[in-house]
C-alpha atoms as a PDB file:
ATOM      1  CA  MET A   1     -88.360 -30.370  12.736  1.00  0.00           C
ATOM      2  CA  SER A   2     -85.208 -30.695  10.569  1.00  0.00           C
ATOM      3  CA  SER A   3     -86.645 -31.654   7.072  1.00  0.00           C
ATOM      4  CA  GLY A   4     -90.054 -30.704   5.191  1.00  0.00           C
ATOM      5  CA  ILE A   5     -92.561 -30.741   2.579  1.00  0.00           C
ATOM      6  CA  SER A   6     -94.434 -27.480   1.827  1.00  0.00           C
ATOM      7  CA  ASP A   7     -98.149 -27.747   1.229  1.00  0.00           C
ATOM      8  CA  TRP A   8     -97.912 -27.291  -2.373  1.00  0.00           C
ATOM      9  CA  GLY A   9     -94.926 -29.343  -2.791  1.00  0.00           C
ATOM     10  CA  ALA A  10     -97.173 -32.057  -1.361  1.00  0.00           C
ATOM     11  CA  ASN A  11     -99.887 -31.222  -4.001  1.00  0.00           C
ATOM     12  CA  ALA A  12     -97.846 -30.885  -6.598  1.00  0.00           C
ATOM     13  CA  LEU A  13     -95.926 -34.209  -6.129  1.00  0.00           C
ATOM     14  CA  ALA A  14     -99.656 -36.236  -6.173  1.00  0.00           C
ATOM     15  CA  ASP A  15    -100.423 -33.965  -9.217  1.00  0.00           C
ATOM     16  CA  HIS A  16     -96.690 -34.850 -11.211  1.00  0.00           C
ATOM     17  CA  PHE A  17     -97.614 -38.805  -9.958  1.00  0.00           C
ATOM     18  CA  THR A  18    -101.443 -38.835 -11.470  1.00  0.00           C
ATOM     19  CA  GLY A  19    -100.256 -36.635 -14.674  1.00  0.00           C
ATOM     20  CA  THR A  20    -102.479 -34.304 -13.695  1.00  0.00           C
ATOM     21  CA  THR A  21     -99.496 -31.639 -13.795  1.00  0.00           C
ATOM     22  CA  ALA A  22     -95.912 -31.516 -14.383  1.00  0.00           C
ATOM     23  CA  LEU A  23     -93.142 -30.587 -12.018  1.00  0.00           C
ATOM     24  CA  PRO A  24     -90.567 -27.283 -13.314  1.00  0.00           C
ATOM     25  CA  GLY A  25     -87.629 -28.227 -15.171  1.00  0.00           C
ATOM     26  CA  THR A  26     -85.911 -26.599 -13.125  1.00  0.00           C
ATOM     27  CA  PHE A  27     -85.645 -26.295  -9.290  1.00  0.00           C
ATOM     28  CA  TYR A  28     -83.753 -23.057  -7.465  1.00  0.00           C
ATOM     29  CA  VAL A  29     -81.489 -23.911  -3.945  1.00  0.00           C
ATOM     30  CA  ALA A  30     -82.517 -20.730  -1.392  1.00  0.00           C
ATOM     31  CA  LEU A  31     -80.708 -20.271   1.897  1.00  0.00           C
ATOM     32  CA  CYS A  32     -82.727 -19.537   4.803  1.00  0.00           C
ATOM     33  CA  PHE A  33     -81.593 -18.040   8.003  1.00  0.00           C
ATOM     34  CA  SER A  34     -84.297 -19.867   9.812  1.00  0.00           C
ATOM     35  CA  GLU A  35     -86.661 -22.754   9.170  1.00  0.00           C
ATOM     36  CA  PRO A  36     -89.900 -22.654   6.468  1.00  0.00           C
ATOM     37  CA  ASP A  37     -92.835 -24.162   7.183  1.00  0.00           C
ATOM     38  CA  VAL A  38     -95.488 -25.666   5.541  1.00  0.00           C
ATOM     39  CA  GLY A  39     -97.312 -23.023   4.345  1.00  0.00           C
ATOM     40  CA  THR A  40     -94.243 -20.861   3.534  1.00  0.00           C
ATOM     41  CA  ASP A  41     -94.608 -19.748  -0.446  1.00  0.00           C
ATOM     42  CA  GLY A  42     -91.472 -17.847  -1.936  1.00  0.00           C
ATOM     43  CA  THR A  43     -92.438 -14.857  -1.399  1.00  0.00           C
ATOM     44  CA  ALA A  44     -92.845 -15.542   2.121  1.00  0.00           C
ATOM     45  CA  LEU A  45     -89.330 -17.033   2.199  1.00  0.00           C
ATOM     46  CA  ASP A  46     -88.057 -14.035   0.914  1.00  0.00           C
ATOM     47  CA  VAL A  47     -88.027 -12.655   4.090  1.00  0.00           C
ATOM     48  CA  ILE A  48     -85.769 -16.232   5.612  1.00  0.00           C
ATOM     49  CA  GLU A  49     -83.490 -15.475   2.838  1.00  0.00           C
ATOM     50  CA  PRO A  50     -80.045 -13.287   2.728  1.00  0.00           C
ATOM     51  CA  ALA A  51     -81.017  -9.868   1.370  1.00  0.00           C
ATOM     52  CA  GLY A  52     -78.944  -7.657  -1.097  1.00  0.00           C
ATOM     53  CA  ALA A  53     -77.294  -7.865  -4.687  1.00  0.00           C
ATOM     54  CA  SER A  54     -74.927 -10.570  -4.393  1.00  0.00           C
ATOM     55  CA  TYR A  55     -77.050 -13.348  -3.601  1.00  0.00           C
ATOM     56  CA  GLY A  56     -79.422 -15.184  -4.824  1.00  0.00           C
ATOM     57  CA  ARG A  57     -80.841 -18.311  -5.585  1.00  0.00           C
ATOM     58  CA  VAL A  58     -79.028 -20.866  -7.858  1.00  0.00           C
ATOM     59  CA  SER A  59     -80.571 -22.887 -10.132  1.00  0.00           C
ATOM     60  CA  LEU A  60     -80.297 -26.622 -10.078  1.00  0.00           C
ATOM     61  CA  SER A  61     -81.637 -28.934 -13.069  1.00  0.00           C
ATOM     62  CA  ARG A  62     -83.955 -31.613 -12.614  1.00  0.00           C
ATOM     63  CA  ASP A  63     -82.402 -34.453 -14.551  1.00  0.00           C
ATOM     64  CA  SER A  64     -80.132 -37.642 -14.251  1.00  0.00           C
ATOM     65  CA  SER A  65     -77.406 -35.216 -14.398  1.00  0.00           C
ATOM     66  CA  HIS A  66     -78.202 -33.087 -11.515  1.00  0.00           C
ATOM     67  CA  TRP A  67     -79.851 -36.149  -9.485  1.00  0.00           C
ATOM     68  CA  SER A  68     -79.250 -39.701  -8.485  1.00  0.00           C
ATOM     69  CA  PRO A  69     -81.488 -42.071  -9.712  1.00  0.00           C
ATOM     70  CA  GLY A  70     -84.056 -43.285  -7.220  1.00  0.00           C
ATOM     71  CA  ASP A  71     -82.474 -45.646  -4.312  1.00  0.00           C
ATOM     72  CA  GLN A  72     -84.815 -46.716  -1.451  1.00  0.00           C
ATOM     73  CA  GLY A  73     -87.327 -44.013  -2.608  1.00  0.00           C
ATOM     74  CA  ILE A  74     -84.308 -41.650  -1.977  1.00  0.00           C
ATOM     75  CA  THR A  75     -82.812 -39.377  -4.526  1.00  0.00           C
ATOM     76  CA  ALA A  76     -79.810 -36.660  -3.908  1.00  0.00           C
ATOM     77  CA  THR A  77     -77.808 -34.193  -6.198  1.00  0.00           C
ATOM     78  CA  THR A  78     -74.706 -35.320  -7.976  1.00  0.00           C
ATOM     79  CA  VAL A  79     -73.656 -32.293  -8.271  1.00  0.00           C
ATOM     80  CA  ASP A  80     -72.027 -29.052  -6.044  1.00  0.00           C
ATOM     81  CA  VAL A  81     -74.334 -26.022  -5.170  1.00  0.00           C
ATOM     82  CA  ASN A  82     -72.607 -22.979  -5.283  1.00  0.00           C
ATOM     83  CA  TRP A  83     -73.281 -19.547  -4.554  1.00  0.00           C
ATOM     84  CA  SER A  84     -70.947 -16.831  -5.863  1.00  0.00           C
ATOM     85  CA  ALA A  85     -68.623 -14.567  -3.313  1.00  0.00           C
ATOM     86  CA  ALA A  86     -71.077 -12.789  -0.361  1.00  0.00           C
ATOM     87  CA  GLY A  87     -70.462  -8.816  -1.714  1.00  0.00           C
ATOM     88  CA  GLU A  88     -71.586  -8.413   2.061  1.00  0.00           C
ATOM     89  CA  ASP A  89     -72.617 -10.632   5.580  1.00  0.00           C
ATOM     90  CA  TRP A  90     -75.295 -13.299   4.473  1.00  0.00           C
ATOM     91  CA  GLY A  91     -75.850 -14.196   8.262  1.00  0.00           C
ATOM     92  CA  ILE A  92     -75.728 -17.617   9.613  1.00  0.00           C
ATOM     93  CA  ILE A  93     -77.723 -19.918   7.099  1.00  0.00           C
ATOM     94  CA  THR A  94     -79.051 -22.820   9.108  1.00  0.00           C
ATOM     95  CA  HIS A  95     -81.183 -24.508   6.270  1.00  0.00           C
ATOM     96  CA  TYR A  96     -81.908 -24.292   2.326  1.00  0.00           C
ATOM     97  CA  ALA A  97     -85.297 -24.840   0.561  1.00  0.00           C
ATOM     98  CA  LEU A  98     -86.266 -26.031  -3.362  1.00  0.00           C
ATOM     99  CA  CYS A  99     -88.177 -23.405  -5.000  1.00  0.00           C
ATOM    100  CA  THR A 100     -89.668 -23.155  -8.304  1.00  0.00           C
ATOM    101  CA  ALA A 101     -88.427 -19.774  -9.426  1.00  0.00           C
ATOM    102  CA  ALA A 102     -85.432 -17.682  -8.876  1.00  0.00           C
ATOM    103  CA  SER A 103     -87.729 -15.299  -6.785  1.00  0.00           C
ATOM    104  CA  ALA A 104     -91.089 -15.622  -5.337  1.00  0.00           C
ATOM    105  CA  GLY A 105     -92.606 -18.486  -6.746  1.00  0.00           C
ATOM    106  CA  ASN A 106     -93.522 -21.725  -4.477  1.00  0.00           C
ATOM    107  CA  VAL A 107     -91.503 -23.698  -2.553  1.00  0.00           C
ATOM    108  CA  LEU A 108     -91.559 -27.718  -2.728  1.00  0.00           C
ATOM    109  CA  GLY A 109     -89.521 -28.767   0.552  1.00  0.00           C
ATOM    110  CA  TRP A 110     -86.301 -27.907   2.570  1.00  0.00           C
ATOM    111  CA  GLY A 111     -83.471 -29.374   4.777  1.00  0.00           C
ATOM    112  CA  ILE A 112     -81.667 -28.323   7.514  1.00  0.00           C
ATOM    113  CA  PHE A 113     -77.857 -28.056   7.326  1.00  0.00           C
ATOM    114  CA  ALA A 114     -76.012 -30.093   9.810  1.00  0.00           C
ATOM    115  CA  ASP A 115     -73.735 -27.391  10.996  1.00  0.00           C
ATOM    116  CA  ALA A 116     -75.051 -23.617  10.788  1.00  0.00           C
ATOM    117  CA  GLN A 117     -72.876 -21.519   8.504  1.00  0.00           C
ATOM    118  CA  ARG A 118     -72.294 -17.374   8.730  1.00  0.00           C
ATOM    119  CA  ILE A 119     -71.629 -16.350   5.452  1.00  0.00           C
ATOM    120  CA  MET A 120     -69.120 -13.114   5.713  1.00  0.00           C
ATOM    121  CA  THR A 121     -68.588 -10.833   3.108  1.00  0.00           C
ATOM    122  CA  GLY A 122     -66.316 -12.535   0.461  1.00  0.00           C
ATOM    123  CA  ASP A 123     -67.124 -15.979   1.596  1.00  0.00           C
ATOM    124  CA  THR A 124     -68.789 -18.575  -0.528  1.00  0.00           C
ATOM    125  CA  MET A 125     -71.164 -21.324   0.236  1.00  0.00           C
ATOM    126  CA  THR A 126     -71.646 -24.562  -1.431  1.00  0.00           C
ATOM    127  CA  ILE A 127     -73.702 -27.197  -0.458  1.00  0.00           C
ATOM    128  CA  PRO A 128     -71.676 -30.580  -1.774  1.00  0.00           C
ATOM    129  CA  ALA A 129     -72.956 -33.482  -4.020  1.00  0.00           C
ATOM    130  CA  GLY A 130     -75.112 -35.433  -2.309  1.00  0.00           C
ATOM    131  CA  GLY A 131     -76.001 -32.530   0.420  1.00  0.00           C
ATOM    132  CA  ILE A 132     -79.656 -32.182  -0.873  1.00  0.00           C
ATOM    133  CA  ALA A 133     -81.390 -35.426  -0.753  1.00  0.00           C
ATOM    134  CA  MET A 134     -85.446 -36.062  -1.395  1.00  0.00           C
ATOM    135  CA  GLY A 135     -87.653 -38.943  -1.077  1.00  0.00           C
ATOM    136  CA  LEU A 136     -90.267 -40.700  -0.512  1.00  0.00           C
ATOM    137  CA  VAL A 137     -90.410 -43.345   2.497  1.00  0.00           C
ATOM    138  CA  SER A 138     -94.427 -44.332   2.965  1.00  0.00           C
ATOM    139  CA  LEU A 139     -97.407 -44.250   0.716  1.00  0.00           C
ATOM    140  CA  GLN A 140    -100.390 -43.100   2.499  1.00  0.00           C
ATOM    141  CA  PRO A 141    -103.521 -46.127   2.661  1.00  0.00           C
ATOM    142  CA  ALA A 142    -106.330 -45.484   0.274  1.00  0.00           C
ATOM    143  CA  LEU A 143    -108.877 -45.893   2.918  1.00  0.00           C
ATOM    144  CA  SER A 144    -108.853 -45.693   6.653  1.00  0.00           C
ATOM    145  CA  LEU A 145    -111.834 -47.272   8.505  1.00  0.00           C
END
């Protein structure tokens, strides 16, 4: 699988659509060196994120200045997402995840990079505008017989 939505994310989106809960105003983008799965939460994600004082999730506001209007059910970032220079080797980064907190929290979903990135001391990581996209492509039937 190249991208996905977590169990928490699917429930949060359903609850958001029906007005029973609201999504946070800010997402936090995590870098990962392996793929999360549907049951991964923010604490479990810590195990597949770079470690060390120079790494941290990057905040990304959930508003029209950071996301494009939906088009055919898909929205994408309109800004670059930048990490500061690595103070140590972060390893080979293959995936990113959208989280609800700067640490721990919940994982909404994740995506894969077309090319893995080896981040060494002094390197910077940027996901260019449009590099994070998410959307809804279909609705499930209300009742199946």
